[in-house]
Protein backbone atom coordinates (compact mmCIF):
# COMPACT_ATOMS: atom_id res chain seq x y z
CA MET A 1 -14.07 63.19 55.66
CA GLN A 2 -14.50 59.77 57.60
CA LEU A 3 -13.48 56.48 56.36
CA ASN A 4 -15.34 53.57 56.41
CA VAL A 5 -13.03 51.56 58.60
CA ARG A 6 -15.27 48.62 59.08
CA SER A 7 -16.09 48.22 55.37
CA THR A 8 -12.28 48.66 54.65
CA ALA A 9 -11.51 45.94 56.86
CA SER A 10 -14.15 43.37 55.80
CA GLY A 11 -13.15 44.14 52.18
CA ALA A 12 -9.37 43.51 53.32
CA ARG A 13 -10.28 40.10 54.73
CA SER A 14 -12.10 39.30 51.26
CA SER A 15 -9.26 39.98 49.59
CA THR A 16 -7.27 37.76 51.77
CA ARG A 17 -9.28 35.12 51.76
CA SER A 18 -9.86 35.03 47.78
CA ARG A 19 -5.83 35.42 47.46
CA ARG A 20 -5.82 32.42 50.17
CA MET A 21 -8.30 30.43 48.04
CA THR A 22 -6.65 30.53 45.03
CA ALA A 23 -3.62 30.12 46.50
CA VAL A 24 -5.14 26.51 47.69
CA VAL A 25 -6.62 26.02 44.38
CA GLN A 26 -3.29 26.53 42.98
CA ALA A 27 -1.04 24.43 45.05
CA VAL A 28 -3.72 21.50 44.45
CA ALA A 29 -3.61 21.57 40.62
CA GLN A 30 -0.19 21.54 41.47
CA ARG A 31 0.21 18.86 43.35
CA ALA A 32 -2.11 16.71 41.61
CA GLY A 33 -0.06 17.74 38.04
CA THR A 34 -3.43 18.97 36.11
CA ILE A 35 -2.95 22.07 33.60
CA ASP A 36 -6.23 23.81 32.69
CA VAL A 37 -6.43 22.60 29.02
CA GLN A 38 -9.39 20.08 28.58
CA ARG A 39 -8.12 16.39 26.77
CA ASN A 40 -9.26 16.24 22.92
CA GLU A 41 -12.53 14.32 23.73
CA ASN A 42 -11.44 11.94 20.47
CA PHE A 43 -9.21 10.65 22.42
CA GLY A 44 -11.48 9.58 24.46
CA LYS A 45 -13.54 7.54 21.97
CA LEU A 46 -10.69 5.29 21.33
CA ARG A 47 -11.60 2.12 23.33
CA ALA A 48 -8.56 0.80 23.74
CA GLY A 49 -4.45 1.72 22.10
CA TYR A 50 -3.61 1.17 18.86
CA LEU A 51 -3.38 -2.73 18.29
CA PHE A 52 0.02 -3.67 17.78
CA PRO A 53 1.44 -2.01 21.12
CA GLU A 54 -1.68 -3.89 22.81
CA ILE A 55 -0.02 -7.33 20.82
CA ALA A 56 3.46 -6.96 22.11
CA ARG A 57 2.47 -5.54 25.85
CA ARG A 58 0.71 -9.03 25.69
CA ARG A 59 3.60 -10.51 24.18
CA LYS A 60 5.54 -9.09 27.11
CA ALA A 61 3.21 -10.55 29.77
CA HIS A 62 3.96 -13.54 28.56
CA GLN A 63 7.69 -13.78 28.08
CA GLU A 64 7.03 -12.79 32.19
CA LYS A 65 4.99 -15.57 32.84
CA ASN A 66 7.20 -17.84 30.89
CA PRO A 67 10.67 -16.39 30.77
CA ASP A 68 11.99 -19.14 29.00
CA ALA A 69 9.77 -19.36 26.16
CA LYS A 70 11.16 -18.44 22.89
CA ILE A 71 8.29 -16.43 21.12
CA ILE A 72 8.17 -16.29 17.63
CA SER A 73 5.91 -13.45 15.94
CA LEU A 74 4.08 -13.83 13.11
CA GLY A 75 1.81 -10.64 14.66
CA ILE A 76 3.49 -7.14 13.43
CA GLY A 77 4.38 -7.00 9.96
CA ASP A 78 7.79 -6.25 9.92
CA THR A 79 10.76 -7.05 7.94
CA THR A 80 13.46 -9.72 9.28
CA GLU A 81 15.97 -10.01 6.67
CA PRO A 82 18.85 -7.31 6.58
CA LEU A 83 18.94 -4.53 3.89
CA PRO A 84 20.28 -5.67 0.47
CA LYS A 85 23.77 -4.85 0.13
CA TYR A 86 23.52 -2.70 -3.07
CA ILE A 87 20.57 -0.44 -1.45
CA ALA A 88 22.49 -0.08 2.06
CA ASP A 89 25.86 0.73 0.44
CA ALA A 90 24.16 3.63 -1.23
CA MET A 91 22.79 5.15 2.24
CA ALA A 92 26.61 4.60 3.45
CA LYS A 93 27.98 6.31 1.11
CA ALA A 94 25.94 8.94 1.25
CA ALA A 95 26.34 9.00 4.47
CA ALA A 96 30.16 9.25 4.68
CA GLY A 97 29.66 11.82 1.90
CA LEU A 98 27.95 14.04 4.79
CA ALA A 99 31.76 14.31 6.24
CA THR A 100 33.06 16.25 3.32
CA ARG A 101 32.93 19.70 1.93
CA GLU A 102 31.46 18.28 -1.16
CA GLY A 103 29.02 15.56 -0.05
CA TYR A 104 27.22 17.56 2.88
CA SER A 105 23.84 18.92 2.03
CA GLY A 106 21.17 20.58 4.60
CA TYR A 107 17.83 21.22 3.76
CA GLY A 108 16.16 19.28 0.41
CA ALA A 109 13.05 19.69 -1.33
CA GLU A 110 9.93 18.91 0.73
CA GLN A 111 8.72 16.83 -2.04
CA GLY A 112 11.59 14.72 -2.36
CA GLN A 113 14.54 14.72 -4.54
CA GLY A 114 14.17 15.03 -7.68
CA ALA A 115 15.75 12.51 -9.28
CA LEU A 116 13.99 10.21 -6.82
CA ARG A 117 10.69 11.68 -7.96
CA GLU A 118 11.49 10.98 -11.37
CA ALA A 119 13.06 7.34 -10.67
CA VAL A 120 9.02 6.49 -8.65
CA ALA A 121 7.79 7.92 -11.85
CA SER A 122 9.25 6.02 -14.27
CA THR A 123 9.27 2.51 -12.25
CA PHE A 124 5.96 2.36 -11.05
CA TYR A 125 3.40 5.25 -13.41
CA GLY A 126 5.23 5.23 -16.54
CA HIS A 127 2.71 2.82 -17.80
CA ALA A 128 0.19 4.99 -15.78
CA GLY A 129 0.62 8.32 -17.24
CA ARG A 130 1.64 10.09 -13.72
CA ALA A 131 4.40 12.50 -13.74
CA ALA A 132 7.05 13.01 -11.39
CA ASP A 133 5.88 16.10 -9.78
CA GLU A 134 2.49 14.65 -9.01
CA ILE A 135 5.07 12.32 -6.75
CA PHE A 136 5.18 13.45 -3.00
CA ILE A 137 8.52 11.56 -1.25
CA SER A 138 8.09 11.09 2.24
CA ASP A 139 8.92 9.17 5.90
CA GLY A 140 6.13 6.53 4.90
CA SER A 141 2.54 6.04 4.29
CA LYS A 142 1.42 5.43 7.45
CA CYS A 143 2.58 9.40 8.64
CA ASP A 144 1.14 10.28 4.81
CA ILE A 145 -2.60 8.84 5.88
CA ALA A 146 -2.20 11.12 9.16
CA ARG A 147 -1.30 14.11 7.13
CA ILE A 148 -4.26 13.15 4.39
CA GLN A 149 -6.56 12.77 7.23
CA MET A 150 -5.32 16.72 8.46
CA MET A 151 -5.57 18.01 4.79
CA PHE A 152 -9.22 16.93 4.68
CA GLY A 153 -9.97 18.24 8.19
CA SER A 154 -13.10 17.27 10.59
CA LYS A 155 -15.92 17.50 8.26
CA PRO A 156 -15.83 14.55 5.29
CA THR A 157 -17.48 11.34 6.34
CA VAL A 158 -15.42 8.06 5.48
CA ALA A 159 -15.97 4.76 4.27
CA VAL A 160 -13.32 1.82 4.70
CA GLN A 161 -12.50 -1.90 4.37
CA ASP A 162 -13.84 -4.16 6.70
CA PRO A 163 -11.57 -5.14 7.71
CA SER A 164 -8.96 -3.02 7.53
CA TYR A 165 -5.76 -1.36 8.44
CA PRO A 166 -6.50 0.11 11.70
CA VAL A 167 -4.99 3.68 10.83
CA TYR A 168 -7.65 4.50 8.52
CA VAL A 169 -10.46 4.39 11.17
CA ASP A 170 -8.05 5.42 14.34
CA THR A 171 -7.11 9.03 12.52
CA SER A 172 -10.81 9.02 11.64
CA VAL A 173 -11.51 8.91 15.14
CA MET A 174 -9.03 11.49 15.92
CA MET A 175 -9.59 13.98 13.70
CA GLY A 176 -13.37 14.09 14.70
CA MET A 177 -14.83 12.52 11.86
CA THR A 178 -16.65 9.86 13.58
CA GLY A 179 -19.09 9.47 16.46
CA ASP A 180 -18.76 6.62 19.58
CA HIS A 181 -17.68 3.81 19.24
CA ASN A 182 -20.87 1.34 19.57
CA GLY A 183 -19.96 -2.21 20.79
CA THR A 184 -18.91 -2.76 17.03
CA GLY A 185 -17.65 -0.37 14.99
CA PHE A 186 -18.31 4.00 15.30
CA ASP A 187 -20.86 5.68 14.54
CA GLY A 188 -20.46 7.96 11.44
CA ILE A 189 -17.54 5.46 9.47
CA GLU A 190 -18.76 2.93 6.84
CA TYR A 191 -17.32 -0.30 6.98
CA MET A 192 -17.81 -2.03 4.22
CA VAL A 193 -17.64 -5.80 4.54
CA CYS A 194 -15.06 -7.77 2.95
CA ASN A 195 -15.56 -11.43 3.68
CA PRO A 196 -15.03 -14.99 1.69
CA ASP A 197 -18.73 -14.34 0.69
CA ASN A 198 -18.01 -11.37 -1.56
CA HIS A 199 -14.34 -12.85 -2.04
CA PHE A 200 -13.49 -9.57 -0.10
CA PHE A 201 -14.56 -7.06 -2.65
CA PRO A 202 -17.55 -4.76 -0.76
CA ASP A 203 -20.90 -4.81 -1.95
CA LEU A 204 -20.95 -1.44 -3.44
CA SER A 205 -24.56 -1.91 -4.12
CA LYS A 206 -25.02 -1.22 -0.65
CA ALA A 207 -22.36 1.10 0.28
CA LYS A 208 -23.52 4.72 1.48
CA ARG A 209 -21.99 7.76 -0.19
CA THR A 210 -18.78 9.10 1.73
CA ASP A 211 -16.56 11.71 1.32
CA ILE A 212 -13.34 9.62 1.36
CA ILE A 213 -13.07 5.89 0.74
CA PHE A 214 -9.83 4.08 2.09
CA PHE A 215 -8.81 0.91 0.46
CA CYS A 216 -5.87 -1.19 0.54
CA SER A 217 -4.79 -3.64 -2.16
CA PRO A 218 -3.45 -5.91 -1.39
CA ASN A 219 -5.33 -5.70 1.55
CA ASN A 220 -3.75 -5.89 5.18
CA PRO A 221 -5.13 -8.12 6.86
CA THR A 222 -6.86 -10.71 4.71
CA GLY A 223 -4.22 -10.32 1.76
CA ALA A 224 -6.89 -10.20 -0.87
CA ALA A 225 -5.83 -7.90 -3.78
CA ALA A 226 -8.35 -6.54 -6.13
CA THR A 227 -9.18 -7.35 -9.88
CA ARG A 228 -9.07 -4.91 -12.52
CA ALA A 229 -13.27 -5.22 -12.76
CA GLN A 230 -13.19 -4.76 -9.47
CA LEU A 231 -11.19 -1.33 -9.22
CA THR A 232 -12.76 -0.25 -12.26
CA GLU A 233 -16.22 -0.86 -10.29
CA LEU A 234 -14.73 1.00 -7.37
CA VAL A 235 -13.38 4.03 -9.02
CA ASN A 236 -17.23 4.09 -10.69
CA PHE A 237 -18.12 4.13 -7.43
CA ALA A 238 -16.11 7.00 -6.20
CA ARG A 239 -17.02 9.15 -9.51
CA LYS A 240 -20.38 8.46 -9.54
CA ASN A 241 -20.64 9.65 -6.07
CA GLY A 242 -18.00 12.18 -6.15
CA SER A 243 -15.83 10.43 -3.34
CA ILE A 244 -11.71 10.75 -3.17
CA LEU A 245 -10.46 7.34 -2.95
CA VAL A 246 -7.50 7.21 -1.13
CA TYR A 247 -5.62 4.20 -1.87
CA ASP A 248 -3.27 2.05 0.03
CA ALA A 249 -0.56 0.03 -2.42
CA ALA A 250 1.74 -0.70 0.20
CA TYR A 251 1.85 -4.60 -0.89
CA ALA A 252 2.19 -3.97 -4.59
CA LEU A 253 5.08 -5.46 -5.47
CA TYR A 254 3.76 -8.84 -3.77
CA ILE A 255 0.90 -9.40 -6.72
CA SER A 256 1.40 -12.27 -9.19
CA ASN A 257 -1.91 -12.43 -10.67
CA PRO A 258 -1.87 -10.00 -14.09
CA ASP A 259 -5.40 -9.55 -13.91
CA CYS A 260 -4.94 -7.81 -10.11
CA PRO A 261 -3.21 -3.71 -10.92
CA LYS A 262 -0.15 -2.62 -9.02
CA THR A 263 -1.95 0.80 -9.02
CA ILE A 264 -4.96 2.55 -9.06
CA TYR A 265 -3.62 5.01 -12.09
CA GLU A 266 -3.53 1.68 -14.36
CA ILE A 267 -7.93 2.18 -14.37
CA PRO A 268 -9.36 5.03 -16.37
CA GLY A 269 -10.40 7.85 -14.82
CA ALA A 270 -8.84 7.22 -11.15
CA ASP A 271 -6.58 10.18 -11.57
CA GLU A 272 -9.97 12.48 -11.14
CA VAL A 273 -10.77 10.73 -8.27
CA ALA A 274 -7.44 8.93 -6.36
CA ILE A 275 -4.92 9.58 -3.73
CA GLU A 276 -1.87 6.83 -4.16
CA THR A 277 0.11 6.09 -0.95
CA CYS A 278 3.04 3.62 -1.22
CA SER A 279 6.38 2.45 0.73
CA PHE A 280 9.14 0.63 0.67
CA SER A 281 8.76 -0.47 4.06
CA LYS A 282 7.91 -4.23 2.99
CA TYR A 283 10.01 -4.09 -0.58
CA ALA A 284 13.31 -3.17 0.38
CA GLY A 285 13.09 -3.35 4.17
CA PHE A 286 12.97 -0.10 4.95
CA THR A 287 10.47 0.05 8.07
CA GLY A 288 13.07 1.53 10.27
CA VAL A 289 14.36 2.73 7.69
CA ARG A 290 11.27 5.05 6.59
CA LEU A 291 10.63 5.99 3.50
CA GLY A 292 7.24 6.26 1.11
CA TRP A 293 5.36 8.40 -1.64
CA THR A 294 1.98 9.66 -2.03
CA VAL A 295 0.62 10.71 -5.60
CA VAL A 296 -1.80 13.26 -6.07
CA PRO A 297 -3.08 13.87 -9.38
CA LYS A 298 -3.34 17.42 -10.67
CA ALA A 299 -6.53 16.24 -12.09
CA LEU A 300 -8.26 15.76 -8.83
CA LYS A 301 -10.20 18.62 -7.46
CA TYR A 302 -12.46 19.96 -5.14
CA ALA A 303 -15.93 20.52 -5.61
CA ASN A 304 -15.26 24.24 -5.75
CA GLY A 305 -12.69 23.27 -8.35
CA GLU A 306 -9.28 24.19 -6.47
CA PRO A 307 -6.67 21.14 -7.28
CA VAL A 308 -6.14 19.07 -4.13
CA HIS A 309 -2.41 18.78 -5.32
CA ALA A 310 -1.84 22.18 -3.89
CA ASP A 311 -2.88 21.77 -0.51
CA TRP A 312 -1.13 18.63 -0.87
CA ASN A 313 2.04 20.58 -1.35
CA ARG A 314 1.18 23.22 0.92
CA VAL A 315 0.85 20.12 4.37
CA MET A 316 3.94 18.51 3.03
CA THR A 317 6.14 22.03 3.13
CA THR A 318 4.71 23.05 5.97
CA CYS A 319 4.62 20.01 8.15
CA PHE A 320 7.22 18.13 6.90
CA ASN A 321 10.79 19.15 5.79
CA GLY A 322 11.75 16.39 3.63
CA ALA A 323 12.91 12.40 4.04
CA SER A 324 16.82 12.22 5.37
CA ASN A 325 18.89 12.50 2.05
CA ILE A 326 20.98 9.22 3.40
CA VAL A 327 17.42 7.49 3.11
CA GLN A 328 16.60 8.66 -0.28
CA ALA A 329 19.97 7.68 -1.39
CA GLY A 330 18.97 4.32 -0.42
CA GLY A 331 15.23 4.94 -2.12
CA LEU A 332 16.84 5.62 -5.42
CA ALA A 333 19.86 2.57 -5.08
CA CYS A 334 16.29 0.54 -4.83
CA LEU A 335 15.24 1.76 -8.57
CA GLN A 336 18.52 1.32 -10.59
CA PRO A 337 19.02 -2.29 -12.08
CA GLU A 338 20.64 -3.67 -9.31
CA GLY A 339 18.48 -2.49 -6.48
CA LEU A 340 15.63 -3.95 -8.28
CA LYS A 341 16.93 -7.46 -8.98
CA GLU A 342 17.65 -7.39 -4.87
CA MET A 343 14.16 -5.80 -4.02
CA ASN A 344 12.57 -8.49 -5.98
CA ALA A 345 14.40 -11.08 -3.81
CA MET A 346 13.62 -10.08 -0.75
CA ILE A 347 9.88 -10.06 -2.05
CA LYS A 348 10.04 -13.71 -3.26
CA PHE A 349 11.39 -14.76 0.03
CA TYR A 350 8.56 -13.30 1.66
CA LYS A 351 6.41 -14.78 -0.67
CA GLU A 352 7.38 -18.37 -0.41
CA ASN A 353 7.33 -17.97 3.21
CA ALA A 354 4.04 -17.06 2.63
CA GLN A 355 3.36 -20.07 0.38
CA ILE A 356 4.55 -22.42 3.85
CA LEU A 357 2.18 -20.38 6.07
CA LYS A 358 -0.45 -21.16 3.84
CA THR A 359 0.16 -25.02 2.96
CA THR A 360 0.80 -25.73 6.60
CA PHE A 361 -3.24 -24.12 7.43
CA THR A 362 -4.34 -25.66 4.83
CA GLU A 363 -3.27 -29.12 4.89
CA MET A 364 -4.30 -28.78 9.05
CA GLY A 365 -7.47 -28.28 7.60
CA PHE A 366 -8.61 -24.40 8.24
CA SER A 367 -10.18 -21.99 5.93
CA VAL A 368 -7.03 -20.15 4.92
CA TYR A 369 -7.07 -16.92 2.46
CA GLY A 370 -4.09 -14.18 1.08
CA GLY A 371 -0.97 -15.52 0.26
CA ASP A 372 -0.28 -15.45 -3.18
CA ASP A 373 -0.65 -11.95 -3.98
CA ALA A 374 0.10 -10.48 -0.45
CA PRO A 375 2.45 -11.60 2.37
CA TYR A 376 -0.32 -12.20 4.70
CA ILE A 377 -2.24 -15.27 5.53
CA TRP A 378 -5.89 -14.59 7.10
CA VAL A 379 -6.94 -18.03 8.83
CA GLY A 380 -11.10 -18.40 9.64
CA PHE A 381 -11.36 -19.89 13.56
CA PRO A 382 -15.50 -19.72 12.89
CA GLY A 383 -17.36 -18.88 16.42
CA LYS A 384 -13.80 -18.04 18.69
CA PRO A 385 -13.27 -14.83 19.19
CA SER A 386 -10.48 -13.47 17.92
CA TRP A 387 -8.64 -12.31 20.94
CA ASP A 388 -8.94 -15.60 22.08
CA VAL A 389 -8.01 -17.59 19.41
CA PHE A 390 -4.43 -15.44 19.83
CA ALA A 391 -4.00 -16.13 23.83
CA GLU A 392 -4.71 -19.69 22.60
CA ILE A 393 -1.93 -19.74 19.89
CA LEU A 394 0.66 -17.78 22.27
CA GLU A 395 0.08 -19.88 25.27
CA ARG A 396 -0.10 -23.61 23.28
CA CYS A 397 2.32 -22.72 20.55
CA ASN A 398 4.40 -19.17 21.99
CA ILE A 399 3.96 -17.83 18.55
CA VAL A 400 2.26 -14.14 18.27
CA THR A 401 0.07 -13.82 15.67
CA THR A 402 -2.73 -10.84 15.24
CA PRO A 403 -6.50 -11.06 16.32
CA GLY A 404 -8.50 -10.33 13.17
CA SER A 405 -10.86 -7.59 15.13
CA GLY A 406 -8.26 -6.06 16.02
CA PHE A 407 -8.81 -4.44 12.08
CA GLY A 408 -12.71 -4.38 12.21
CA PRO A 409 -16.04 -5.86 13.10
CA ALA A 410 -15.58 -8.39 10.03
CA GLY A 411 -12.14 -9.51 11.11
CA GLU A 412 -13.84 -11.30 14.20
CA GLY A 413 -13.05 -15.06 13.89
CA PHE A 414 -10.01 -14.46 11.97
CA VAL A 415 -6.04 -13.84 12.62
CA ARG A 416 -3.78 -12.85 10.79
CA ALA A 417 -0.43 -14.59 10.58
CA SER A 418 2.56 -12.50 8.69
CA ALA A 419 5.02 -14.43 6.52
CA PHE A 420 7.91 -11.30 7.81
CA GLY A 421 10.54 -13.70 9.42
CA SER A 422 13.38 -15.61 8.89
CA ARG A 423 13.21 -18.77 7.28
CA GLU A 424 14.39 -20.69 10.56
CA ASN A 425 11.30 -19.11 12.45
CA ILE A 426 8.86 -19.96 9.80
CA LEU A 427 9.87 -23.41 9.89
CA GLU A 428 10.11 -23.40 13.61
CA ALA A 429 6.38 -21.69 13.75
CA VAL A 430 4.94 -24.62 10.89
CA ARG A 431 6.05 -27.22 13.45
CA ARG A 432 4.59 -26.04 16.75
CA PHE A 433 1.22 -25.34 14.75
CA LYS A 434 1.45 -28.94 13.54
CA GLU A 435 2.34 -29.85 16.76
CA ALA A 436 -0.47 -27.95 18.70
CA TYR A 437 -3.46 -28.59 15.96
CA GLY A 438 -2.69 -31.36 14.02
CA LYS A 439 -4.93 -32.20 11.34
CA ARG A 440 -8.21 -31.02 11.56
CA ASN A 441 -10.22 -33.22 9.28
């Protein structure tokens, strides 16, 4: 038998060329630092970085340009005052206990320690009928919002207050619940406008039906707290449309108005439609400590009758190992008589800051909202883009605020000032504002 030498040689050369080409492609890919995995296309829809890192970037640039400037931050809602002593001592004791045989503890229940769940239920929900096993302790509301989105998946439709906390929208985009950004907002999201004309409560008669409704009261950023009548309308709207209401109550203890409920479960029927998230961040200065909770009533069921509670339990036991044992000791201390006293004193302090800021802006002739039931002041600058106002205040006053448009289309023309700050800084900020803007009317 004769071999086809020409054919064999040609095949060998072709195989060699193929190997060389593969090696070249691999080498180019390696030099470029790329991998053969496509980016999640939903991240490409996010037009800019998350609001608060962008503010931090601009602040840093201003500081580098003006190295001697003493910048005061009234921007991100980060607490500034030291932890209350009784609460900090409880965490210190728990931490020291871990160094002993008797005090050591490892993994705990992912849903939270039983004593803390009981304390949260009795302290905040005793009048609203929520049981301890409906309370899930976590590392904060922001984290829980992301986990809630994961539980719902990418198919549900979403409505948000406009303006509102950016995490509601951004996590919806990341999950693939939306279309592209249309220059104003994201296609596929129902923006429920909240402005001075409607007293910062949406006109639900004009709102489209969605699967999920995100609602925050007191609202971040406007500082508006919804009344009992308004929340009753909201719950009835959700019940009528078969929607799930994700209710963010992170600032509930700042409410002074007795007509404004501190939990959605004060409203009849809310247990059949609402999930509530809350946090110790703005109550006890736990922004860096990280401790919160989410309430999922057992009466809340999907269209097929399956309980949402069971799915949330699965999410928490799969994706979370439970909040730090040390931190939970601090949370339990927060809810003891001495801890509650200290926590309420901290809230009172920040509310006094809010009143100082609100009075200042009012006296200067600005349209000012919030500050009474929340630690945020919502200041109007009609006709001016919010980022331009942010830049102007930073340049003229060396003060960081938050541009309203970062919270949604209806936030354009406003800036948010946070009351979280030392009294010294708040008073210095007031002096600078008066010097730069004076009396407008």
